C-alpha atoms as a PDB file:
ATOM      1  CA  MET A   1     -12.298  -0.071 -17.080  1.00  0.00           C
ATOM      2  CA  THR A   2     -13.635   2.498 -14.652  1.00  0.00           C
ATOM      3  CA  ILE A   3     -14.155   5.026 -17.436  1.00  0.00           C
ATOM      4  CA  LEU A   4     -16.128   2.434 -19.400  1.00  0.00           C
ATOM      5  CA  TYR A   5     -18.346   1.726 -16.383  1.00  0.00           C
ATOM      6  CA  ILE A   6     -18.930   5.434 -15.833  1.00  0.00           C
ATOM      7  CA  CYS A   7     -19.961   5.873 -19.489  1.00  0.00           C
ATOM      8  CA  ILE A   8     -22.388   2.954 -19.277  1.00  0.00           C
ATOM      9  CA  ILE A   9     -23.843   4.289 -16.034  1.00  0.00           C
ATOM     10  CA  SER A  10     -24.316   7.763 -17.517  1.00  0.00           C
ATOM     11  CA  LEU A  11     -26.126   6.334 -20.542  1.00  0.00           C
ATOM     12  CA  ASN A  12     -28.399   4.273 -18.326  1.00  0.00           C
ATOM     13  CA  ILE A  13     -29.086   7.233 -16.015  1.00  0.00           C
ATOM     14  CA  ASP A  14     -30.232   9.168 -19.079  1.00  0.00           C
ATOM     15  CA  ASP A  15     -32.723   6.371 -19.799  1.00  0.00           C
ATOM     16  CA  ILE A  16     -33.865   6.388 -16.165  1.00  0.00           C
ATOM     17  CA  LEU A  17     -34.565  10.108 -16.311  1.00  0.00           C
ATOM     18  CA  ARG A  18     -36.580   9.664 -19.513  1.00  0.00           C
ATOM     19  CA  GLY A  19     -38.549   6.799 -17.939  1.00  0.00           C
ATOM     20  CA  GLU A  20     -37.480   4.232 -20.536  1.00  0.00           C
ATOM     21  CA  ILE A  21     -36.087   1.643 -18.166  1.00  0.00           C
ATOM     22  CA  ASP A  22     -37.245  -1.535 -16.465  1.00  0.00           C
ATOM     23  CA  ASP A  23     -36.458  -2.839 -12.976  1.00  0.00           C
ATOM     24  CA  ALA A  24     -33.644  -5.156 -14.067  1.00  0.00           C
ATOM     25  CA  THR A  25     -31.754  -2.334 -15.764  1.00  0.00           C
ATOM     26  CA  PHE A  26     -32.257  -0.085 -12.743  1.00  0.00           C
ATOM     27  CA  TRP A  27     -30.685  -2.672 -10.449  1.00  0.00           C
ATOM     28  CA  MET A  28     -27.866  -3.224 -12.933  1.00  0.00           C
ATOM     29  CA  VAL A  29     -27.084   0.509 -12.793  1.00  0.00           C
ATOM     30  CA  ALA A  30     -27.203   0.424  -8.990  1.00  0.00           C
ATOM     31  CA  VAL A  31     -24.766  -2.503  -8.828  1.00  0.00           C
ATOM     32  CA  GLN A  32     -22.438  -0.902 -11.383  1.00  0.00           C
ATOM     33  CA  THR A  33     -22.404   2.315  -9.369  1.00  0.00           C
ATOM     34  CA  ILE A  34     -21.484   0.407  -6.219  1.00  0.00           C
ATOM     35  CA  VAL A  35     -18.711  -1.431  -8.092  1.00  0.00           C
ATOM     36  CA  VAL A  36     -17.235   1.826  -9.430  1.00  0.00           C
ATOM     37  CA  ILE A  37     -17.288   3.427  -5.969  1.00  0.00           C
ATOM     38  CA  GLU A  38     -15.722   0.345  -4.380  1.00  0.00           C
ATOM     39  CA  PHE A  39     -13.021   0.110  -7.058  1.00  0.00           C
ATOM     40  CA  GLY A  40     -12.230   3.790  -6.607  1.00  0.00           C
ATOM     41  CA  TYR A  41     -12.012   3.366  -2.834  1.00  0.00           C
ATOM     42  CA  PHE A  42      -9.569   0.453  -3.157  1.00  0.00           C
ATOM     43  CA  SER A  43      -7.512   2.260  -5.803  1.00  0.00           C
ATOM     44  CA  VAL A  44      -7.112   5.364  -3.659  1.00  0.00           C
ATOM     45  CA  GLY A  45      -6.264   3.234  -0.628  1.00  0.00           C
ATOM     46  CA  SER A  46      -3.599   1.376  -2.599  1.00  0.00           C
ATOM     47  CA  LEU A  47      -2.062   4.593  -3.897  1.00  0.00           C
ATOM     48  CA  LEU A  48      -1.954   6.128  -0.427  1.00  0.00           C
ATOM     49  CA  TYR A  49      -0.320   2.983   0.947  1.00  0.00           C
ATOM     50  CA  TYR A  50       2.259   3.026  -1.871  1.00  0.00           C
ATOM     51  CA  TRP A  51       3.142   6.649  -1.138  1.00  0.00           C
ATOM     52  CA  ARG A  52       3.489   5.951   2.605  1.00  0.00           C
ATOM     53  CA  VAL A  53       5.798   2.998   1.979  1.00  0.00           C
ATOM     54  CA  ARG A  54       7.789   4.960  -0.582  1.00  0.00           C
ATOM     55  CA  LYS A  55       8.360   7.801   1.905  1.00  0.00           C
ATOM     56  CA  THR A  56       9.391   5.303   4.601  1.00  0.00           C
ATOM     57  CA  ILE A  57      11.976   3.678   2.339  1.00  0.00           C
ATOM     58  CA  GLN A  58      13.530   6.976   1.283  1.00  0.00           C
END
């Protein structure tokens, strides 16, 4: 899912750089970027928690 979002964002950033974009699409890219960053933050946090708990159990 994250890879799909990153591909969509990269395609839209290409349009932004060429100047072929409207305001709605710009805000969509901004929101998608925030969602990808937030999802990555929560994923890393979950993995770190899992590793801590795993080390505690062993």
